Amino acid sequence: MDQKKAVSFLTFWVVNTVVLLVANSIFGGNVVVGNQSISTGLSAIFAGLVLTALIPLAPKAVEQTGYKIKNQNVWPAIFLASNIVVLWILKRLAMVTGFGISSILWVLILAIVITFVELAVAKTTGAMEEDKKQSKSKS
């Protein structure tokens, strides 16, 4: 992993963690980070790591399915769907992850917010352009 990818990964990780902590402080009754076994910070860091690890895996998973993405506007929908799935899994494993969400509505809301923030970070840092250049050079 080169330095640009490492910095990009850490940036996404920090941003995802901050979004989860802000959601916990604003919507404390519906989005809970931390439990009696796991502190708030550790739980947010772990959940942010899992969400960030999804970012490089999603394009590889789409590539493995054999789908050809011709319209780049489809990627936000793919990341939204994968964020929903990951948040739901983290929610279901609340005893282990320390991350709880009260209902599917809050999973959807949080997934939408996280997807928009990730896209904003990707556009700001140029992370998506690097991936596009690499995929074109492979073809």
N, C-alpha and C. Protein backbone atom coordinates (compact mmCIF):
# COMPACT_ATOMS: atom_id res chain seq x y z
N MET A 1 0.86 -1.18 0.00
CA MET A 1 0.00 0.00 0.00
C MET A 1 0.90 1.23 0.00
N ASP A 2 0.69 2.08 -0.98
CA ASP A 2 1.51 3.27 -1.04
C ASP A 2 0.98 4.35 -0.08
N GLN A 3 1.74 5.42 0.02
CA GLN A 3 1.44 6.44 1.01
C GLN A 3 0.11 7.16 0.74
N LYS A 4 -0.21 7.42 -0.52
CA LYS A 4 -1.47 8.11 -0.83
C LYS A 4 -2.67 7.26 -0.43
N LYS A 5 -2.59 5.96 -0.69
CA LYS A 5 -3.70 5.08 -0.31
C LYS A 5 -3.82 4.99 1.21
N ALA A 6 -2.68 4.96 1.91
CA ALA A 6 -2.71 4.89 3.37
C ALA A 6 -3.33 6.15 3.96
N VAL A 7 -2.94 7.30 3.44
CA VAL A 7 -3.50 8.56 3.93
C VAL A 7 -4.99 8.64 3.61
N SER A 8 -5.37 8.19 2.42
CA SER A 8 -6.78 8.18 2.05
C SER A 8 -7.58 7.26 2.97
N PHE A 9 -7.05 6.07 3.24
CA PHE A 9 -7.72 5.13 4.13
C PHE A 9 -7.89 5.72 5.53
N LEU A 10 -6.82 6.31 6.06
CA LEU A 10 -6.89 6.92 7.40
C LEU A 10 -7.86 8.10 7.43
N THR A 11 -7.91 8.87 6.35
CA THR A 11 -8.86 9.99 6.29
C THR A 11 -10.29 9.49 6.34
N PHE A 12 -10.59 8.47 5.53
CA PHE A 12 -11.94 7.90 5.56
C PHE A 12 -12.26 7.32 6.94
N TRP A 13 -11.28 6.68 7.56
CA TRP A 13 -11.49 6.07 8.88
C TRP A 13 -11.83 7.15 9.91
N VAL A 14 -11.06 8.22 9.93
CA VAL A 14 -11.30 9.30 10.89
C VAL A 14 -12.67 9.94 10.64
N VAL A 15 -12.99 10.18 9.38
CA VAL A 15 -14.27 10.82 9.05
C VAL A 15 -15.44 9.92 9.44
N ASN A 16 -15.36 8.62 9.14
CA ASN A 16 -16.43 7.70 9.52
C ASN A 16 -16.59 7.64 11.04
N THR A 17 -15.47 7.62 11.76
CA THR A 17 -15.53 7.59 13.22
C THR A 17 -16.17 8.86 13.77
N VAL A 18 -15.80 10.01 13.22
CA VAL A 18 -16.37 11.28 13.68
C VAL A 18 -17.87 11.33 13.38
N VAL A 19 -18.28 10.86 12.21
CA VAL A 19 -19.72 10.85 11.87
C VAL A 19 -20.49 10.00 12.87
N LEU A 20 -19.94 8.84 13.23
CA LEU A 20 -20.62 7.97 14.20
C LEU A 20 -20.70 8.63 15.57
N LEU A 21 -19.63 9.30 15.99
CA LEU A 21 -19.64 9.97 17.30
C LEU A 21 -20.62 11.16 17.30
N VAL A 22 -20.68 11.90 16.21
CA VAL A 22 -21.62 13.02 16.12
C VAL A 22 -23.06 12.50 16.12
N ALA A 23 -23.30 11.41 15.39
CA ALA A 23 -24.64 10.81 15.38
C ALA A 23 -25.02 10.33 16.78
N ASN A 24 -24.05 9.80 17.51
CA ASN A 24 -24.31 9.36 18.88
C ASN A 24 -24.67 10.54 19.78
N SER A 25 -23.97 11.65 19.61
CA SER A 25 -24.26 12.80 20.48
C SER A 25 -25.56 13.50 20.11
N ILE A 26 -25.90 13.54 18.83
CA ILE A 26 -27.13 14.22 18.42
C ILE A 26 -28.35 13.32 18.60
N PHE A 27 -28.24 12.07 18.18
CA PHE A 27 -29.37 11.13 18.23
C PHE A 27 -29.10 10.05 19.26
N GLY A 28 -28.73 10.44 20.46
CA GLY A 28 -28.31 9.50 21.50
C GLY A 28 -29.29 8.39 21.81
N GLY A 29 -30.57 8.62 21.67
CA GLY A 29 -31.54 7.58 21.95
C GLY A 29 -31.70 6.58 20.82
N ASN A 30 -31.27 6.95 19.62
CA ASN A 30 -31.46 6.09 18.46
C ASN A 30 -30.17 5.50 17.91
N VAL A 31 -29.07 6.21 18.05
CA VAL A 31 -27.77 5.71 17.62
C VAL A 31 -26.88 5.70 18.86
N VAL A 32 -26.51 4.51 19.30
CA VAL A 32 -25.73 4.36 20.53
C VAL A 32 -24.37 3.77 20.18
N VAL A 33 -23.33 4.46 20.60
CA VAL A 33 -21.97 3.97 20.38
C VAL A 33 -21.37 3.69 21.75
N GLY A 34 -21.02 2.43 21.98
CA GLY A 34 -20.47 2.01 23.27
C GLY A 34 -21.52 1.29 24.11
N ASN A 35 -21.04 0.39 24.95
CA ASN A 35 -21.91 -0.32 25.88
C ASN A 35 -21.15 -0.56 27.18
N GLN A 36 -21.64 -1.45 28.02
CA GLN A 36 -21.00 -1.67 29.31
C GLN A 36 -19.63 -2.32 29.18
N SER A 37 -19.39 -3.01 28.08
CA SER A 37 -18.12 -3.70 27.89
C SER A 37 -17.12 -2.91 27.05
N ILE A 38 -17.63 -2.12 26.11
CA ILE A 38 -16.78 -1.41 25.16
C ILE A 38 -17.03 0.08 25.28
N SER A 39 -15.96 0.85 25.40
CA SER A 39 -16.11 2.30 25.55
C SER A 39 -16.64 2.93 24.27
N THR A 40 -17.12 4.15 24.39
CA THR A 40 -17.67 4.86 23.24
C THR A 40 -16.61 5.06 22.16
N GLY A 41 -15.44 5.50 22.57
CA GLY A 41 -14.37 5.74 21.60
C GLY A 41 -13.93 4.49 20.87
N LEU A 42 -13.72 3.42 21.61
CA LEU A 42 -13.28 2.17 20.99
C LEU A 42 -14.34 1.62 20.05
N SER A 43 -15.58 1.70 20.45
CA SER A 43 -16.67 1.22 19.60
C SER A 43 -16.76 2.04 18.31
N ALA A 44 -16.63 3.35 18.41
CA ALA A 44 -16.68 4.21 17.22
C ALA A 44 -15.49 3.95 16.31
N ILE A 45 -14.32 3.75 16.89
CA ILE A 45 -13.13 3.47 16.09
C ILE A 45 -13.29 2.15 15.35
N PHE A 46 -13.81 1.12 16.03
CA PHE A 46 -13.99 -0.18 15.40
C PHE A 46 -15.04 -0.12 14.29
N ALA A 47 -16.18 0.51 14.57
CA ALA A 47 -17.23 0.62 13.55
C ALA A 47 -16.75 1.46 12.36
N GLY A 48 -15.99 2.52 12.65
CA GLY A 48 -15.42 3.33 11.57
C GLY A 48 -14.44 2.53 10.72
N LEU A 49 -13.66 1.67 11.37
CA LEU A 49 -12.72 0.81 10.64
C LEU A 49 -13.45 -0.15 9.72
N VAL A 50 -14.51 -0.77 10.22
CA VAL A 50 -15.28 -1.71 9.40
C VAL A 50 -15.91 -0.99 8.21
N LEU A 51 -16.48 0.18 8.44
CA LEU A 51 -17.07 0.95 7.33
C LEU A 51 -16.00 1.38 6.33
N THR A 52 -14.81 1.73 6.81
CA THR A 52 -13.74 2.15 5.92
C THR A 52 -13.17 0.98 5.14
N ALA A 53 -13.09 -0.18 5.75
CA ALA A 53 -12.58 -1.36 5.05
C ALA A 53 -13.49 -1.74 3.90
N LEU A 54 -14.74 -1.35 3.98
CA LEU A 54 -15.69 -1.65 2.92
C LEU A 54 -15.39 -0.87 1.64
N ILE A 55 -14.82 0.32 1.76
CA ILE A 55 -14.63 1.20 0.60
C ILE A 55 -13.78 0.55 -0.49
N PRO A 56 -12.60 0.01 -0.19
CA PRO A 56 -11.85 -0.63 -1.28
C PRO A 56 -12.41 -2.00 -1.68
N LEU A 57 -13.20 -2.62 -0.80
CA LEU A 57 -13.73 -3.95 -1.12
C LEU A 57 -14.95 -3.90 -2.03
N ALA A 58 -15.72 -2.84 -1.99
CA ALA A 58 -16.94 -2.75 -2.80
C ALA A 58 -16.66 -2.82 -4.30
N PRO A 59 -15.69 -2.05 -4.84
CA PRO A 59 -15.42 -2.17 -6.28
C PRO A 59 -14.92 -3.57 -6.67
N LYS A 60 -14.14 -4.19 -5.80
CA LYS A 60 -13.66 -5.54 -6.09
C LYS A 60 -14.81 -6.54 -6.09
N ALA A 61 -15.76 -6.36 -5.18
CA ALA A 61 -16.92 -7.25 -5.14
C ALA A 61 -17.78 -7.08 -6.39
N VAL A 62 -17.96 -5.85 -6.84
CA VAL A 62 -18.74 -5.60 -8.06
C VAL A 62 -18.01 -6.21 -9.26
N GLU A 63 -16.70 -6.08 -9.28
CA GLU A 63 -15.91 -6.66 -10.37
C GLU A 63 -16.03 -8.18 -10.39
N GLN A 64 -16.04 -8.80 -9.21
CA GLN A 64 -16.16 -10.26 -9.12
C GLN A 64 -17.51 -10.76 -9.61
N THR A 65 -18.54 -9.95 -9.48
CA THR A 65 -19.86 -10.38 -9.94
C THR A 65 -19.97 -10.36 -11.46
N GLY A 66 -19.07 -9.64 -12.11
CA GLY A 66 -19.09 -9.59 -13.56
C GLY A 66 -19.87 -8.43 -14.14
N TYR A 67 -20.45 -7.60 -13.29
CA TYR A 67 -21.18 -6.42 -13.78
C TYR A 67 -20.21 -5.38 -14.29
N LYS A 68 -20.58 -4.76 -15.38
CA LYS A 68 -19.79 -3.67 -15.94
C LYS A 68 -20.49 -2.36 -15.61
N ILE A 69 -19.86 -1.54 -14.81
CA ILE A 69 -20.43 -0.25 -14.43
C ILE A 69 -19.99 0.78 -15.48
N LYS A 70 -20.92 1.18 -16.32
CA LYS A 70 -20.62 2.15 -17.37
C LYS A 70 -20.91 3.58 -16.90
N ASN A 71 -21.91 3.74 -16.07
CA ASN A 71 -22.29 5.05 -15.56
C ASN A 71 -21.71 5.21 -14.16
N GLN A 72 -20.84 6.19 -13.98
CA GLN A 72 -20.18 6.39 -12.68
C GLN A 72 -21.15 6.86 -11.61
N ASN A 73 -22.35 7.30 -12.00
CA ASN A 73 -23.34 7.74 -11.02
C ASN A 73 -23.98 6.58 -10.27
N VAL A 74 -23.67 5.36 -10.66
CA VAL A 74 -24.21 4.18 -9.97
C VAL A 74 -23.42 3.89 -8.69
N TRP A 75 -22.16 4.33 -8.64
CA TRP A 75 -21.33 4.02 -7.48
C TRP A 75 -21.89 4.52 -6.15
N PRO A 76 -22.45 5.74 -6.07
CA PRO A 76 -23.05 6.13 -4.79
C PRO A 76 -24.14 5.18 -4.32
N ALA A 77 -24.94 4.68 -5.25
CA ALA A 77 -25.99 3.71 -4.87
C ALA A 77 -25.38 2.41 -4.38
N ILE A 78 -24.29 1.99 -5.00
CA ILE A 78 -23.61 0.76 -4.56
C ILE A 78 -23.04 0.95 -3.16
N PHE A 79 -22.39 2.10 -2.93
CA PHE A 79 -21.84 2.36 -1.60
C PHE A 79 -22.94 2.54 -0.56
N LEU A 80 -24.06 3.14 -0.94
CA LEU A 80 -25.19 3.28 -0.02
C LEU A 80 -25.70 1.90 0.39
N ALA A 81 -25.90 1.03 -0.58
CA ALA A 81 -26.38 -0.32 -0.27
C ALA A 81 -25.40 -1.07 0.62
N SER A 82 -24.12 -0.96 0.33
CA SER A 82 -23.14 -1.67 1.16
C SER A 82 -23.03 -1.05 2.55
N ASN A 83 -23.18 0.27 2.66
CA ASN A 83 -23.18 0.90 3.99
C ASN A 83 -24.39 0.45 4.80
N ILE A 84 -25.54 0.31 4.15
CA ILE A 84 -26.74 -0.17 4.86
C ILE A 84 -26.49 -1.57 5.40
N VAL A 85 -25.93 -2.44 4.57
CA VAL A 85 -25.68 -3.82 5.00
C VAL A 85 -24.68 -3.86 6.15
N VAL A 86 -23.59 -3.11 6.04
CA VAL A 86 -22.57 -3.12 7.09
C VAL A 86 -23.12 -2.54 8.39
N LEU A 87 -23.86 -1.44 8.31
CA LEU A 87 -24.45 -0.87 9.53
C LEU A 87 -25.42 -1.84 10.17
N TRP A 88 -26.20 -2.54 9.37
CA TRP A 88 -27.14 -3.51 9.92
C TRP A 88 -26.39 -4.65 10.62
N ILE A 89 -25.31 -5.12 10.01
CA ILE A 89 -24.51 -6.19 10.64
C ILE A 89 -23.88 -5.69 11.94
N LEU A 90 -23.32 -4.48 11.92
CA LEU A 90 -22.74 -3.92 13.15
C LEU A 90 -23.81 -3.77 14.23
N LYS A 91 -25.00 -3.37 13.82
CA LYS A 91 -26.11 -3.22 14.77
C LYS A 91 -26.50 -4.56 15.36
N ARG A 92 -26.57 -5.59 14.53
CA ARG A 92 -26.97 -6.91 15.01
C ARG A 92 -25.93 -7.52 15.95
N LEU A 93 -24.69 -7.12 15.80
CA LEU A 93 -23.62 -7.62 16.67
C LEU A 93 -23.27 -6.61 17.76
N ALA A 94 -24.28 -5.94 18.29
CA ALA A 94 -24.07 -4.85 19.25
C ALA A 94 -23.35 -5.30 20.51
N MET A 95 -23.55 -6.53 20.93
CA MET A 95 -22.87 -7.01 22.13
C MET A 95 -21.35 -7.08 21.92
N VAL A 96 -20.94 -7.32 20.70
CA VAL A 96 -19.52 -7.42 20.38
C VAL A 96 -18.95 -6.08 19.94
N THR A 97 -19.70 -5.35 19.10
CA THR A 97 -19.20 -4.10 18.53
C THR A 97 -19.47 -2.89 19.40
N GLY A 98 -20.46 -2.96 20.27
CA GLY A 98 -20.82 -1.81 21.09
C GLY A 98 -21.55 -0.74 20.30
N PHE A 99 -22.08 -1.10 19.14
CA PHE A 99 -22.74 -0.15 18.26
C PHE A 99 -24.19 -0.56 18.08
N GLY A 100 -25.11 0.29 18.51
CA GLY A 100 -26.52 -0.05 18.42
C GLY A 100 -27.32 1.04 17.73
N ILE A 101 -28.30 0.60 16.95
CA ILE A 101 -29.22 1.51 16.26
C ILE A 101 -30.62 1.01 16.54
N SER A 102 -31.54 1.93 16.83
CA SER A 102 -32.87 1.55 17.31
C SER A 102 -33.76 0.91 16.25
N SER A 103 -33.64 1.32 14.98
CA SER A 103 -34.54 0.76 13.96
C SER A 103 -33.91 0.86 12.58
N ILE A 104 -34.56 0.22 11.62
CA ILE A 104 -34.08 0.25 10.24
C ILE A 104 -34.12 1.67 9.68
N LEU A 105 -35.05 2.49 10.14
CA LEU A 105 -35.11 3.88 9.68
C LEU A 105 -33.82 4.61 10.00
N TRP A 106 -33.30 4.42 11.20
CA TRP A 106 -32.06 5.08 11.60
C TRP A 106 -30.86 4.48 10.89
N VAL A 107 -30.92 3.20 10.54
CA VAL A 107 -29.86 2.60 9.72
C VAL A 107 -29.83 3.30 8.37
N LEU A 108 -31.00 3.50 7.77
CA LEU A 108 -31.08 4.16 6.46
C LEU A 108 -30.58 5.60 6.53
N ILE A 109 -31.02 6.33 7.56
CA ILE A 109 -30.60 7.73 7.71
C ILE A 109 -29.09 7.82 7.89
N LEU A 110 -28.55 6.99 8.77
CA LEU A 110 -27.11 7.03 9.03
C LEU A 110 -26.32 6.58 7.80
N ALA A 111 -26.82 5.59 7.07
CA ALA A 111 -26.13 5.14 5.86
C ALA A 111 -26.12 6.24 4.80
N ILE A 112 -27.21 6.97 4.67
CA ILE A 112 -27.26 8.08 3.71
C ILE A 112 -26.26 9.16 4.09
N VAL A 113 -26.22 9.52 5.37
CA VAL A 113 -25.28 10.54 5.84
C VAL A 113 -23.84 10.08 5.61
N ILE A 114 -23.54 8.85 5.98
CA ILE A 114 -22.18 8.34 5.82
C ILE A 114 -21.79 8.29 4.35
N THR A 115 -22.70 7.87 3.49
CA THR A 115 -22.40 7.81 2.05
C THR A 115 -22.11 9.20 1.50
N PHE A 116 -22.92 10.19 1.86
CA PHE A 116 -22.67 11.55 1.38
C PHE A 116 -21.34 12.09 1.90
N VAL A 117 -21.03 11.83 3.16
CA VAL A 117 -19.77 12.30 3.72
C VAL A 117 -18.59 11.61 3.04
N GLU A 118 -18.70 10.30 2.81
CA GLU A 118 -17.62 9.58 2.13
C GLU A 118 -17.42 10.10 0.71
N LEU A 119 -18.50 10.40 0.01
CA LEU A 119 -18.37 10.95 -1.34
C LEU A 119 -17.74 12.34 -1.32
N ALA A 120 -18.10 13.14 -0.32
CA ALA A 120 -17.49 14.47 -0.20
C ALA A 120 -16.00 14.36 0.08
N VAL A 121 -15.62 13.44 0.95
CA VAL A 121 -14.20 13.23 1.24
C VAL A 121 -13.48 12.71 0.01
N ALA A 122 -14.11 11.81 -0.73
CA ALA A 122 -13.48 11.26 -1.94
C ALA A 122 -13.26 12.35 -2.98
N LYS A 123 -14.23 13.23 -3.14
CA LYS A 123 -14.07 14.32 -4.10
C LYS A 123 -13.02 15.33 -3.63
N THR A 124 -12.98 15.59 -2.33
CA THR A 124 -12.03 16.55 -1.79
C THR A 124 -10.59 16.04 -1.88
N THR A 125 -10.40 14.77 -1.53
CA THR A 125 -9.04 14.21 -1.51
C THR A 125 -8.62 13.66 -2.86
N GLY A 126 -9.57 13.47 -3.78
CA GLY A 126 -9.24 12.89 -5.08
C GLY A 126 -9.05 11.39 -5.03
N ALA A 127 -9.59 10.73 -4.03
CA ALA A 127 -9.40 9.29 -3.87
C ALA A 127 -10.04 8.51 -5.01
N MET A 128 -11.19 8.94 -5.49
CA MET A 128 -11.86 8.21 -6.56
C MET A 128 -11.13 8.36 -7.89
N GLU A 129 -10.52 9.51 -8.15
CA GLU A 129 -9.80 9.71 -9.40
C GLU A 129 -8.61 8.77 -9.50
N GLU A 130 -7.93 8.52 -8.36
CA GLU A 130 -6.80 7.59 -8.35
C GLU A 130 -7.26 6.20 -8.74
N ASP A 131 -8.39 5.75 -8.21
CA ASP A 131 -8.90 4.43 -8.52
C ASP A 131 -9.31 4.33 -9.99
N LYS A 132 -9.90 5.39 -10.54
CA LYS A 132 -10.30 5.38 -11.94
C LYS A 132 -9.08 5.27 -12.85
N LYS A 133 -8.01 6.01 -12.51
CA LYS A 133 -6.79 5.95 -13.32
C LYS A 133 -6.20 4.55 -13.30
N GLN A 134 -6.20 3.92 -12.12
CA GLN A 134 -5.64 2.58 -12.01
C GLN A 134 -6.48 1.57 -12.77
N SER A 135 -7.80 1.69 -12.71
CA SER A 135 -8.66 0.73 -13.41
C SER A 135 -8.53 0.90 -14.93
N LYS A 136 -8.33 2.14 -15.41
CA LYS A 136 -8.14 2.35 -16.85
C LYS A 136 -6.80 1.79 -17.31
N SER A 137 -5.77 1.89 -16.47
CA SER A 137 -4.46 1.38 -16.86
C SER A 137 -4.44 -0.15 -16.87
N LYS A 138 -5.31 -0.80 -16.09
CA LYS A 138 -5.39 -2.26 -16.08
C LYS A 138 -6.05 -2.78 -17.34
N SER A 139 -6.97 -2.00 -17.92
CA SER A 139 -7.72 -2.45 -19.10
C SER A 139 -6.86 -2.48 -20.33
